[in-house]
C-alpha atoms as a PDB file:
ATOM      1  CA  MET A   1      70.954  57.900 -15.745  1.00  0.00           C
ATOM      2  CA  ALA A   2      67.243  58.419 -15.160  1.00  0.00           C
ATOM      3  CA  THR A   3      65.602  59.609 -11.967  1.00  0.00           C
ATOM      4  CA  LEU A   4      62.193  58.628 -10.627  1.00  0.00           C
ATOM      5  CA  ILE A   5      60.895  60.855  -7.854  1.00  0.00           C
ATOM      6  CA  ILE A   6      58.125  58.985  -6.060  1.00  0.00           C
ATOM      7  CA  ASP A   7      55.689  60.664  -3.696  1.00  0.00           C
ATOM      8  CA  ARG A   8      55.457  58.473  -0.614  1.00  0.00           C
ATOM      9  CA  PHE A   9      53.324  58.263   2.516  1.00  0.00           C
ATOM     10  CA  ASP A  10      54.064  56.107   5.550  1.00  0.00           C
ATOM     11  CA  GLY A  11      50.736  56.619   7.283  1.00  0.00           C
ATOM     12  CA  LYS A  12      51.935  59.700   9.165  1.00  0.00           C
ATOM     13  CA  LYS A  13      53.956  61.908   6.863  1.00  0.00           C
ATOM     14  CA  HIS A  14      54.218  62.614   3.167  1.00  0.00           C
ATOM     15  CA  TYR A  15      57.665  62.784   1.609  1.00  0.00           C
ATOM     16  CA  GLU A  16      59.398  62.200  -1.710  1.00  0.00           C
ATOM     17  CA  GLN A  17      62.094  59.687  -2.498  1.00  0.00           C
ATOM     18  CA  SER A  18      64.344  59.543  -5.550  1.00  0.00           C
ATOM     19  CA  TYR A  19      65.524  56.404  -7.312  1.00  0.00           C
ATOM     20  CA  THR A  20      68.272  56.373  -9.940  1.00  0.00           C
ATOM     21  CA  LEU A  21      68.076  53.948 -12.836  1.00  0.00           C
ATOM     22  CA  ALA A  22      70.455  53.089 -15.642  1.00  0.00           C
ATOM     23  CA  PRO A  23      69.032  53.346 -19.180  1.00  0.00           C
ATOM     24  CA  GLU A  24      68.994  49.556 -19.517  1.00  0.00           C
ATOM     25  CA  ASP A  25      66.907  49.322 -16.333  1.00  0.00           C
ATOM     26  CA  MET A  26      64.060  51.164 -18.100  1.00  0.00           C
ATOM     27  CA  ALA A  27      64.464  50.251 -21.751  1.00  0.00           C
ATOM     28  CA  GLY A  28      61.364  48.513 -23.060  1.00  0.00           C
ATOM     29  CA  LYS A  29      59.741  48.522 -19.633  1.00  0.00           C
ATOM     30  CA  THR A  30      56.336  49.863 -18.673  1.00  0.00           C
ATOM     31  CA  VAL A  31      55.951  52.167 -15.697  1.00  0.00           C
ATOM     32  CA  LEU A  32      54.622  49.196 -13.724  1.00  0.00           C
ATOM     33  CA  ASN A  33      57.604  47.008 -14.625  1.00  0.00           C
ATOM     34  CA  THR A  34      59.876  49.857 -13.599  1.00  0.00           C
ATOM     35  CA  LEU A  35      58.142  50.152 -10.226  1.00  0.00           C
ATOM     36  CA  LEU A  36      58.471  46.384  -9.784  1.00  0.00           C
ATOM     37  CA  PHE A  37      62.173  46.628 -10.665  1.00  0.00           C
ATOM     38  CA  ILE A  38      62.695  49.309  -8.000  1.00  0.00           C
ATOM     39  CA  LYS A  39      60.821  47.245  -5.418  1.00  0.00           C
ATOM     40  CA  GLN A  40      62.800  44.104  -6.256  1.00  0.00           C
ATOM     41  CA  THR A  41      66.259  45.671  -6.498  1.00  0.00           C
ATOM     42  CA  GLN A  42      66.307  48.906  -4.495  1.00  0.00           C
ATOM     43  CA  ASP A  43      63.450  49.350  -2.047  1.00  0.00           C
ATOM     44  CA  PRO A  44      61.154  46.509  -0.944  1.00  0.00           C
ATOM     45  CA  THR A  45      59.129  48.954   1.179  1.00  0.00           C
ATOM     46  CA  LEU A  46      57.684  50.756  -1.860  1.00  0.00           C
ATOM     47  CA  ASN A  47      53.915  50.191  -2.042  1.00  0.00           C
ATOM     48  CA  PHE A  48      51.677  50.275  -5.117  1.00  0.00           C
ATOM     49  CA  THR A  49      48.831  48.193  -6.535  1.00  0.00           C
ATOM     50  CA  ALA A  50      48.669  46.053  -9.663  1.00  0.00           C
ATOM     51  CA  SER A  51      47.110  42.847 -10.861  1.00  0.00           C
ATOM     52  CA  CYS A  52      46.513  41.856 -14.483  1.00  0.00           C
ATOM     53  CA  ARG A  53      49.344  43.790 -16.176  1.00  0.00           C
ATOM     54  CA  CYS A  54      47.133  43.808 -19.300  1.00  0.00           C
ATOM     55  CA  ALA A  55      45.184  47.095 -18.965  1.00  0.00           C
ATOM     56  CA  ILE A  56      42.064  45.171 -17.956  1.00  0.00           C
ATOM     57  CA  CYS A  57      41.759  45.362 -14.163  1.00  0.00           C
ATOM     58  CA  GLY A  58      42.467  49.079 -13.657  1.00  0.00           C
ATOM     59  CA  ALA A  59      44.414  48.493 -10.439  1.00  0.00           C
ATOM     60  CA  CYS A  60      47.655  50.238 -11.405  1.00  0.00           C
ATOM     61  CA  GLY A  61      46.477  53.794 -11.979  1.00  0.00           C
ATOM     62  CA  VAL A  62      49.049  56.405 -10.886  1.00  0.00           C
ATOM     63  CA  ARG A  63      50.110  59.893 -11.932  1.00  0.00           C
ATOM     64  CA  VAL A  64      53.252  60.696 -13.887  1.00  0.00           C
ATOM     65  CA  ASN A  65      54.232  64.375 -13.855  1.00  0.00           C
ATOM     66  CA  GLY A  66      50.751  65.218 -12.620  1.00  0.00           C
ATOM     67  CA  HIS A  67      48.742  63.248 -15.194  1.00  0.00           C
ATOM     68  CA  ALA A  68      46.893  60.001 -14.551  1.00  0.00           C
ATOM     69  CA  ILE A  69      47.965  56.896 -16.473  1.00  0.00           C
ATOM     70  CA  LEU A  70      47.705  53.129 -16.327  1.00  0.00           C
ATOM     71  CA  ALA A  71      51.161  52.035 -15.203  1.00  0.00           C
ATOM     72  CA  CYS A  72      50.942  48.711 -17.044  1.00  0.00           C
ATOM     73  CA  ASP A  73      49.942  50.373 -20.310  1.00  0.00           C
ATOM     74  CA  THR A  74      52.499  53.191 -20.414  1.00  0.00           C
ATOM     75  CA  LYS A  75      56.089  52.641 -21.507  1.00  0.00           C
ATOM     76  CA  MET A  76      58.984  54.532 -20.008  1.00  0.00           C
ATOM     77  CA  ASP A  77      60.465  55.032 -23.490  1.00  0.00           C
ATOM     78  CA  ASP A  78      57.277  56.825 -24.545  1.00  0.00           C
ATOM     79  CA  LEU A  79      57.404  59.064 -21.478  1.00  0.00           C
ATOM     80  CA  VAL A  80      60.965  60.079 -22.337  1.00  0.00           C
ATOM     81  CA  LYS A  81      59.787  61.055 -25.836  1.00  0.00           C
ATOM     82  CA  THR A  82      56.703  62.866 -24.540  1.00  0.00           C
ATOM     83  CA  TYR A  83      58.433  64.933 -21.884  1.00  0.00           C
ATOM     84  CA  GLY A  84      61.898  65.167 -23.414  1.00  0.00           C
ATOM     85  CA  SER A  85      63.359  64.321 -20.028  1.00  0.00           C
ATOM     86  CA  ASP A  86      64.646  61.370 -18.051  1.00  0.00           C
ATOM     87  CA  THR A  87      63.338  62.662 -14.718  1.00  0.00           C
ATOM     88  CA  PHE A  88      59.781  61.794 -13.713  1.00  0.00           C
ATOM     89  CA  ARG A  89      57.594  62.289 -10.662  1.00  0.00           C
ATOM     90  CA  ILE A  90      55.278  59.382  -9.885  1.00  0.00           C
ATOM     91  CA  SER A  91      52.403  60.129  -7.515  1.00  0.00           C
ATOM     92  CA  PRO A  92      49.233  58.431  -6.281  1.00  0.00           C
ATOM     93  CA  LEU A  93      45.978  59.240  -8.034  1.00  0.00           C
ATOM     94  CA  ALA A  94      44.595  62.636  -7.086  1.00  0.00           C
ATOM     95  CA  ASN A  95      41.187  63.124  -5.446  1.00  0.00           C
ATOM     96  CA  PHE A  96      41.570  59.902  -3.457  1.00  0.00           C
ATOM     97  CA  LYS A  97      42.725  59.459   0.127  1.00  0.00           C
ATOM     98  CA  VAL A  98      46.256  58.051   0.174  1.00  0.00           C
ATOM     99  CA  ILE A  99      46.735  54.936   2.302  1.00  0.00           C
ATOM    100  CA  SER A 100      50.400  54.179   1.626  1.00  0.00           C
ATOM    101  CA  ASP A 101      52.764  55.500  -1.059  1.00  0.00           C
ATOM    102  CA  LEU A 102      50.909  54.981  -4.372  1.00  0.00           C
ATOM    103  CA  VAL A 103      48.024  53.052  -2.777  1.00  0.00           C
ATOM    104  CA  VAL A 104      44.732  54.938  -2.406  1.00  0.00           C
ATOM    105  CA  ASP A 105      41.443  54.252  -0.633  1.00  0.00           C
ATOM    106  CA  TRP A 106      38.800  53.073  -3.106  1.00  0.00           C
ATOM    107  CA  GLU A 107      35.945  52.435  -0.684  1.00  0.00           C
ATOM    108  CA  PRO A 108      34.253  55.886  -0.986  1.00  0.00           C
ATOM    109  CA  ALA A 109      34.272  55.599  -4.784  1.00  0.00           C
ATOM    110  CA  VAL A 110      32.929  52.048  -4.661  1.00  0.00           C
ATOM    111  CA  GLU A 111      30.185  53.215  -2.314  1.00  0.00           C
ATOM    112  CA  ASN A 112      29.238  55.883  -4.862  1.00  0.00           C
ATOM    113  CA  LEU A 113      29.138  53.178  -7.518  1.00  0.00           C
ATOM    114  CA  ARG A 114      26.754  51.174  -5.343  1.00  0.00           C
ATOM    115  CA  LYS A 115      24.430  54.185  -5.082  1.00  0.00           C
ATOM    116  CA  ILE A 116      23.615  54.206  -8.795  1.00  0.00           C
ATOM    117  CA  HIS A 117      22.788  50.448  -8.825  1.00  0.00           C
ATOM    118  CA  PRO A 118      25.187  49.367 -11.609  1.00  0.00           C
ATOM    119  CA  GLY A 119      23.471  45.981 -11.910  1.00  0.00           C
ATOM    120  CA  MET A 120      20.521  45.801 -14.302  1.00  0.00           C
ATOM    121  CA  VAL A 121      16.931  44.779 -13.559  1.00  0.00           C
ATOM    122  CA  ALA A 122      15.457  43.548 -16.845  1.00  0.00           C
ATOM    123  CA  LYS A 123      12.071  44.413 -18.306  1.00  0.00           C
ATOM    124  CA  SER A 124       9.364  41.997 -17.216  1.00  0.00           C
ATOM    125  CA  GLU A 125       8.213  41.308 -20.781  1.00  0.00           C
ATOM    126  CA  PHE A 126      11.359  39.345 -21.578  1.00  0.00           C
ATOM    127  CA  SER A 127      10.595  35.628 -21.447  1.00  0.00           C
ATOM    128  CA  GLU A 128      12.546  33.206 -19.310  1.00  0.00           C
ATOM    129  CA  LYS A 129      13.018  31.040 -22.401  1.00  0.00           C
ATOM    130  CA  GLU A 130      14.497  33.662 -24.707  1.00  0.00           C
ATOM    131  CA  GLY A 131      16.141  35.852 -22.096  1.00  0.00           C
ATOM    132  CA  CYS A 132      16.985  39.485 -22.732  1.00  0.00           C
ATOM    133  CA  ARG A 133      17.855  39.729 -26.385  1.00  0.00           C
ATOM    134  CA  GLN A 134      19.329  42.807 -28.002  1.00  0.00           C
ATOM    135  CA  THR A 135      19.854  43.898 -31.560  1.00  0.00           C
ATOM    136  CA  GLN A 136      23.357  44.843 -32.619  1.00  0.00           C
ATOM    137  CA  ALA A 137      22.302  48.501 -32.720  1.00  0.00           C
ATOM    138  CA  GLU A 138      20.981  48.292 -29.155  1.00  0.00           C
ATOM    139  CA  PHE A 139      24.229  46.749 -27.966  1.00  0.00           C
ATOM    140  CA  ASP A 140      26.302  49.321 -29.816  1.00  0.00           C
ATOM    141  CA  ARG A 141      24.629  52.047 -27.749  1.00  0.00           C
ATOM    142  CA  ILE A 142      26.348  50.837 -24.586  1.00  0.00           C
ATOM    143  CA  LYS A 143      29.409  48.871 -25.671  1.00  0.00           C
ATOM    144  CA  LYS A 144      31.841  51.753 -25.181  1.00  0.00           C
ATOM    145  CA  GLN A 145      30.751  52.256 -21.567  1.00  0.00           C
ATOM    146  CA  TRP A 146      31.341  48.552 -20.926  1.00  0.00           C
ATOM    147  CA  ASP A 147      35.033  49.200 -21.642  1.00  0.00           C
ATOM    148  CA  CYS A 148      35.368  51.179 -18.395  1.00  0.00           C
ATOM    149  CA  ILE A 149      37.765  49.333 -16.082  1.00  0.00           C
ATOM    150  CA  ILE A 150      37.272  51.666 -13.094  1.00  0.00           C
ATOM    151  CA  CYS A 151      40.929  52.650 -12.995  1.00  0.00           C
ATOM    152  CA  GLY A 152      40.240  56.056 -11.450  1.00  0.00           C
ATOM    153  CA  CYS A 153      42.135  58.097 -14.059  1.00  0.00           C
ATOM    154  CA  CYS A 154      39.056  60.206 -14.810  1.00  0.00           C
ATOM    155  CA  ALA A 155      38.464  60.888 -11.120  1.00  0.00           C
ATOM    156  CA  SER A 156      42.111  61.846 -10.631  1.00  0.00           C
ATOM    157  CA  GLU A 157      41.866  64.468 -13.396  1.00  0.00           C
ATOM    158  CA  CYS A 158      38.402  65.789 -12.463  1.00  0.00           C
ATOM    159  CA  ASN A 159      38.503  69.520 -11.680  1.00  0.00           C
ATOM    160  CA  LYS A 160      35.143  69.403  -9.935  1.00  0.00           C
ATOM    161  CA  LEU A 161      36.359  66.753  -7.477  1.00  0.00           C
ATOM    162  CA  THR A 162      39.515  68.760  -6.894  1.00  0.00           C
ATOM    163  CA  ALA A 163      37.514  71.899  -6.097  1.00  0.00           C
ATOM    164  CA  ASP A 164      34.781  70.257  -3.999  1.00  0.00           C
ATOM    165  CA  ASN A 165      33.958  66.556  -3.772  1.00  0.00           C
ATOM    166  CA  ARG A 166      31.088  66.945  -1.321  1.00  0.00           C
ATOM    167  CA  ASP A 167      28.359  67.174  -3.964  1.00  0.00           C
ATOM    168  CA  TYR A 168      29.803  65.162  -6.827  1.00  0.00           C
ATOM    169  CA  MET A 169      30.742  61.565  -7.568  1.00  0.00           C
ATOM    170  CA  GLU A 170      33.592  60.146  -9.616  1.00  0.00           C
ATOM    171  CA  PRO A 171      33.051  60.559 -13.408  1.00  0.00           C
ATOM    172  CA  PHE A 172      33.155  56.812 -14.008  1.00  0.00           C
ATOM    173  CA  VAL A 173      30.162  56.427 -11.662  1.00  0.00           C
ATOM    174  CA  TYR A 174      28.031  58.468 -14.072  1.00  0.00           C
ATOM    175  CA  THR A 175      29.388  56.441 -16.981  1.00  0.00           C
ATOM    176  CA  HIS A 176      28.152  53.231 -15.374  1.00  0.00           C
ATOM    177  CA  ALA A 177      24.842  54.850 -14.462  1.00  0.00           C
ATOM    178  CA  TRP A 178      24.376  55.845 -18.093  1.00  0.00           C
ATOM    179  CA  ARG A 179      25.458  52.415 -19.336  1.00  0.00           C
ATOM    180  CA  VAL A 180      22.753  50.573 -17.440  1.00  0.00           C
ATOM    181  CA  ALA A 181      20.078  53.274 -17.821  1.00  0.00           C
ATOM    182  CA  ASN A 182      20.646  53.325 -21.599  1.00  0.00           C
ATOM    183  CA  ASP A 183      20.526  49.534 -21.904  1.00  0.00           C
ATOM    184  CA  SER A 184      17.515  48.494 -24.001  1.00  0.00           C
ATOM    185  CA  ARG A 185      16.782  45.691 -21.528  1.00  0.00           C
ATOM    186  CA  THR A 186      16.551  47.947 -18.465  1.00  0.00           C
ATOM    187  CA  LYS A 187      13.196  47.944 -16.693  1.00  0.00           C
ATOM    188  CA  ASP A 188      13.412  51.467 -15.250  1.00  0.00           C
ATOM    189  CA  PRO A 189      16.200  53.911 -16.259  1.00  0.00           C
ATOM    190  CA  LEU A 190      15.336  56.184 -13.329  1.00  0.00           C
ATOM    191  CA  VAL A 191      16.495  53.518 -10.872  1.00  0.00           C
ATOM    192  CA  HIS A 192      19.949  54.676 -11.979  1.00  0.00           C
ATOM    193  CA  GLY A 193      19.062  58.211 -13.070  1.00  0.00           C
ATOM    194  CA  LYS A 194      17.625  59.437  -9.783  1.00  0.00           C
ATOM    195  CA  PRO A 195      20.675  58.588  -7.646  1.00  0.00           C
ATOM    196  CA  ALA A 196      22.893  60.077 -10.355  1.00  0.00           C
ATOM    197  CA  VAL A 197      20.957  63.348 -10.063  1.00  0.00           C
ATOM    198  CA  SER A 198      21.079  63.347  -6.264  1.00  0.00           C
ATOM    199  CA  GLY A 199      24.782  62.503  -6.497  1.00  0.00           C
ATOM    200  CA  GLY A 200      25.648  65.649  -8.434  1.00  0.00           C
ATOM    201  CA  LEU A 201      24.877  64.879 -12.082  1.00  0.00           C
ATOM    202  CA  TRP A 202      24.259  68.571 -12.805  1.00  0.00           C
ATOM    203  CA  ASN A 203      27.462  69.730 -11.068  1.00  0.00           C
ATOM    204  CA  CYS A 204      29.928  68.702 -13.778  1.00  0.00           C
ATOM    205  CA  VAL A 205      32.053  71.728 -14.778  1.00  0.00           C
ATOM    206  CA  HIS A 206      32.633  70.508 -18.376  1.00  0.00           C
ATOM    207  CA  CYS A 207      36.420  70.580 -18.130  1.00  0.00           C
ATOM    208  CA  GLN A 208      36.641  67.437 -20.342  1.00  0.00           C
ATOM    209  CA  GLU A 209      39.633  66.131 -18.381  1.00  0.00           C
ATOM    210  CA  CYS A 210      37.867  62.784 -17.880  1.00  0.00           C
ATOM    211  CA  ALA A 211      37.669  62.379 -21.653  1.00  0.00           C
ATOM    212  CA  ASN A 212      41.254  63.532 -22.196  1.00  0.00           C
ATOM    213  CA  ARG A 213      42.863  61.057 -19.790  1.00  0.00           C
ATOM    214  CA  CYS A 214      40.692  57.929 -20.000  1.00  0.00           C
ATOM    215  CA  PRO A 215      42.980  55.074 -21.173  1.00  0.00           C
ATOM    216  CA  LYS A 216      39.986  53.448 -22.887  1.00  0.00           C
ATOM    217  CA  GLY A 217      38.863  56.549 -24.773  1.00  0.00           C
ATOM    218  CA  ILE A 218      35.594  56.911 -22.855  1.00  0.00           C
ATOM    219  CA  SER A 219      34.102  60.358 -22.323  1.00  0.00           C
ATOM    220  CA  SER A 220      32.322  60.498 -19.000  1.00  0.00           C
ATOM    221  CA  ALA A 221      31.455  64.095 -19.895  1.00  0.00           C
ATOM    222  CA  ASP A 222      29.405  62.801 -22.846  1.00  0.00           C
ATOM    223  CA  ASP A 223      27.781  60.183 -20.629  1.00  0.00           C
ATOM    224  CA  ILE A 224      26.852  62.856 -18.095  1.00  0.00           C
ATOM    225  CA  ALA A 225      25.288  64.985 -20.828  1.00  0.00           C
ATOM    226  CA  ALA A 226      23.336  62.001 -22.149  1.00  0.00           C
ATOM    227  CA  MET A 227      22.105  61.081 -18.668  1.00  0.00           C
ATOM    228  CA  ARG A 228      20.957  64.654 -18.107  1.00  0.00           C
ATOM    229  CA  ALA A 229      18.872  64.491 -21.292  1.00  0.00           C
ATOM    230  CA  LEU A 230      17.420  61.139 -20.259  1.00  0.00           C
ATOM    231  CA  VAL A 231      16.331  62.193 -16.768  1.00  0.00           C
ATOM    232  CA  MET A 232      14.777  65.382 -18.126  1.00  0.00           C
ATOM    233  CA  SER A 233      12.838  63.352 -20.691  1.00  0.00           C
ATOM    234  CA  LYS A 234      11.579  61.218 -17.805  1.00  0.00           C
ATOM    235  CA  GLY A 235      10.283  64.245 -15.915  1.00  0.00           C
ATOM    236  CA  LEU A 236      13.155  65.100 -13.551  1.00  0.00           C
ATOM    237  CA  THR A 237      13.163  68.789 -14.435  1.00  0.00           C
ATOM    238  CA  ASP A 238      13.349  70.479 -11.040  1.00  0.00           C
ATOM    239  CA  GLY A 239      16.435  72.397  -9.966  1.00  0.00           C
ATOM    240  CA  VAL A 240      18.926  74.891 -11.320  1.00  0.00           C
ATOM    241  CA  GLY A 241      20.599  72.416 -13.689  1.00  0.00           C
ATOM    242  CA  PRO A 242      17.506  71.497 -15.714  1.00  0.00           C
ATOM    243  CA  ALA A 243      16.345  75.129 -15.642  1.00  0.00           C
ATOM    244  CA  HIS A 244      19.683  76.240 -17.080  1.00  0.00           C
ATOM    245  CA  ALA A 245      19.522  73.574 -19.802  1.00  0.00           C
ATOM    246  CA  LYS A 246      16.004  74.629 -20.780  1.00  0.00           C
ATOM    247  CA  ALA A 247      16.987  78.313 -20.782  1.00  0.00           C
ATOM    248  CA  PHE A 248      20.025  77.545 -22.932  1.00  0.00           C
ATOM    249  CA  TYR A 249      17.822  75.639 -25.387  1.00  0.00           C
ATOM    250  CA  THR A 250      15.267  78.459 -25.469  1.00  0.00           C
ATOM    251  CA  ASP A 251      17.943  81.008 -26.366  1.00  0.00           C
ATOM    252  CA  LEU A 252      19.281  78.865 -29.205  1.00  0.00           C
ATOM    253  CA  VAL A 253      16.046  77.585 -30.712  1.00  0.00           C
ATOM    254  CA  GLU A 254      13.058  79.675 -29.722  1.00  0.00           C
ATOM    255  CA  ASP A 255      14.773  83.074 -29.541  1.00  0.00           C
ATOM    256  CA  SER A 256      17.555  84.604 -31.598  1.00  0.00           C
ATOM    257  CA  GLY A 257      20.109  81.801 -31.615  1.00  0.00           C
ATOM    258  CA  ARG A 258      22.403  83.882 -29.409  1.00  0.00           C
ATOM    259  CA  LEU A 259      23.108  83.145 -25.758  1.00  0.00           C
ATOM    260  CA  ASN A 260      21.429  85.958 -23.856  1.00  0.00           C
ATOM    261  CA  GLU A 261      23.405  86.084 -20.618  1.00  0.00           C
ATOM    262  CA  VAL A 262      20.955  88.346 -18.820  1.00  0.00           C
ATOM    263  CA  ARG A 263      17.870  86.310 -19.571  1.00  0.00           C
ATOM    264  CA  LEU A 264      19.798  83.037 -19.208  1.00  0.00           C
ATOM    265  CA  ALA A 265      20.560  83.878 -15.585  1.00  0.00           C
ATOM    266  CA  LEU A 266      17.019  85.000 -14.859  1.00  0.00           C
ATOM    267  CA  ARG A 267      15.499  81.918 -16.462  1.00  0.00           C
ATOM    268  CA  THR A 268      17.922  79.666 -14.610  1.00  0.00           C
ATOM    269  CA  GLU A 269      17.763  81.042 -11.074  1.00  0.00           C
ATOM    270  CA  GLY A 270      14.910  83.532 -11.156  1.00  0.00           C
ATOM    271  CA  VAL A 271      15.002  86.469  -8.765  1.00  0.00           C
ATOM    272  CA  SER A 272      17.735  84.799  -6.695  1.00  0.00           C
ATOM    273  CA  THR A 273      20.069  86.016  -9.437  1.00  0.00           C
ATOM    274  CA  LEU A 274      19.761  89.462  -7.859  1.00  0.00           C
ATOM    275  CA  ALA A 275      21.896  88.186  -4.974  1.00  0.00           C
ATOM    276  CA  ARG A 276      24.864  88.522  -7.328  1.00  0.00           C
ATOM    277  CA  THR A 277      24.208  92.138  -8.216  1.00  0.00           C
ATOM    278  CA  GLY A 278      27.797  93.030  -7.378  1.00  0.00           C
ATOM    279  CA  MET A 279      29.106  90.586  -9.951  1.00  0.00           C
ATOM    280  CA  ALA A 280      26.664  91.939 -12.538  1.00  0.00           C
ATOM    281  CA  ILE A 281      27.883  95.513 -11.927  1.00  0.00           C
ATOM    282  CA  THR A 282      31.479  94.384 -12.402  1.00  0.00           C
ATOM    283  CA  LEU A 283      30.571  92.662 -15.687  1.00  0.00           C
ATOM    284  CA  LEU A 284      28.781  95.801 -16.878  1.00  0.00           C
ATOM    285  CA  ARG A 285      31.769  97.995 -16.074  1.00  0.00           C
ATOM    286  CA  GLN A 286      34.090  95.676 -17.958  1.00  0.00           C
ATOM    287  CA  GLY A 287      31.810  95.623 -20.978  1.00  0.00           C
ATOM    288  CA  LYS A 288      31.137  91.912 -20.541  1.00  0.00           C
ATOM    289  CA  MET A 289      27.358  92.275 -20.346  1.00  0.00           C
ATOM    290  CA  ASP A 290      24.804  94.528 -22.033  1.00  0.00           C
ATOM    291  CA  PRO A 291      21.683  95.222 -19.898  1.00  0.00           C
ATOM    292  CA  LEU A 292      19.677  95.865 -23.069  1.00  0.00           C
ATOM    293  CA  GLU A 293      20.039  92.177 -23.896  1.00  0.00           C
ATOM    294  CA  VAL A 294      17.138  91.507 -21.567  1.00  0.00           C
ATOM    295  CA  PHE A 295      14.900  92.725 -24.417  1.00  0.00           C
ATOM    296  CA  GLY A 296      16.426  90.269 -26.854  1.00  0.00           C
ATOM    297  CA  GLY A 297      18.660  90.772 -29.854  1.00  0.00           C
ATOM    298  CA  GLU A 298      18.967  90.323 -33.571  1.00  0.00           C
ATOM    299  CA  THR A 299      18.460  86.774 -34.807  1.00  0.00           C
ATOM    300  CA  ILE A 300      21.697  85.190 -35.985  1.00  0.00           C
ATOM    301  CA  GLU A 301      22.284  84.445 -39.634  1.00  0.00           C
ATOM    302  CA  GLY A 302      21.355  80.852 -40.401  1.00  0.00           C
ATOM    303  CA  HIS A 303      19.055  80.483 -37.402  1.00  0.00           C
ATOM    304  CA  ASP A 304      16.534  78.460 -39.413  1.00  0.00           C
ATOM    305  CA  ALA A 305      19.254  75.978 -40.360  1.00  0.00           C
ATOM    306  CA  LEU A 306      20.324  75.738 -36.716  1.00  0.00           C
ATOM    307  CA  VAL A 307      16.772  74.910 -35.658  1.00  0.00           C
ATOM    308  CA  LYS A 308      16.506  72.238 -38.364  1.00  0.00           C
ATOM    309  CA  MET A 309      19.761  70.624 -37.217  1.00  0.00           C
ATOM    310  CA  ILE A 310      18.588  70.509 -33.614  1.00  0.00           C
ATOM    311  CA  GLU A 311      15.242  69.061 -34.638  1.00  0.00           C
ATOM    312  CA  ALA A 312      17.006  66.436 -36.737  1.00  0.00           C
ATOM    313  CA  ALA A 313      19.169  65.515 -33.756  1.00  0.00           C
ATOM    314  CA  HIS A 314      16.041  65.110 -31.617  1.00  0.00           C
ATOM    315  CA  ALA A 315      14.476  62.855 -34.249  1.00  0.00           C
ATOM    316  CA  ALA A 316      17.614  60.727 -34.537  1.00  0.00           C
ATOM    317  CA  ALA A 317      17.785  60.313 -30.765  1.00  0.00           C
ATOM    318  CA  LYS A 318      14.272  58.864 -30.722  1.00  0.00           C
ATOM    319  CA  GLU A 319      15.042  56.215 -33.331  1.00  0.00           C
END
């Protein structure tokens, strides 16, 4: 017999409830079909969301054993093989407010999506007769981002949202901002770039969980990095984030090719870095930082080749 432990919420209290299933009740079924089976045969009060059952609408995102999945696109047989167990905990997506059982409140995330203006305003030079034509290469630049179904799996896994969601939006929001800003037909990329910046674009902690758990293989982390480069190229260079990026680049290309932690901090935050003197002393005592690094260090072997690779990447990005 298999056991599904489902985290539930009745509007007032959170609790867990276990359901026992025979092997034939799960065989060949997806997680969504299993939830439907429980609702139809054991507990009609169980609440969850679903629609297309084809991994297109994104409505059935839940967590199994702490990891976000699409319930309609994940088979129970595969979970048994993955975890080597027949006991599973099914929970609502993390980093969302729970409304009832596995149902979460999407309105705050949708409002964030509205902020970055996901609809495109086309360049004025396109004619009404021919419309907004694209080459295959121009379309290929954005086709992966179009696969996003806004299922919330990336947001559920996001460590930044878990730590503090007050100055950061859901990863898929930045993916859609990048999609439309990077579209060759877009009139003004900063229409989408500016609200992405004000919405926390530079606050990503690079945990890569969004890339690891996306059921469509999209990396919001890559999209965030690309959007950062775009807004900087358009002149949005104020703030700690851009300063850190420029300092990082200076260390790698213009200096020795080594990350100079002392100068990196000073270049990023200036004299305000001194406010963390206590942390610096601790790092010094532990041998994690050398104060002499402020004067620079020996250039790494192969630095010229590194510079050439970076320059080649810049050239390719402009094509």
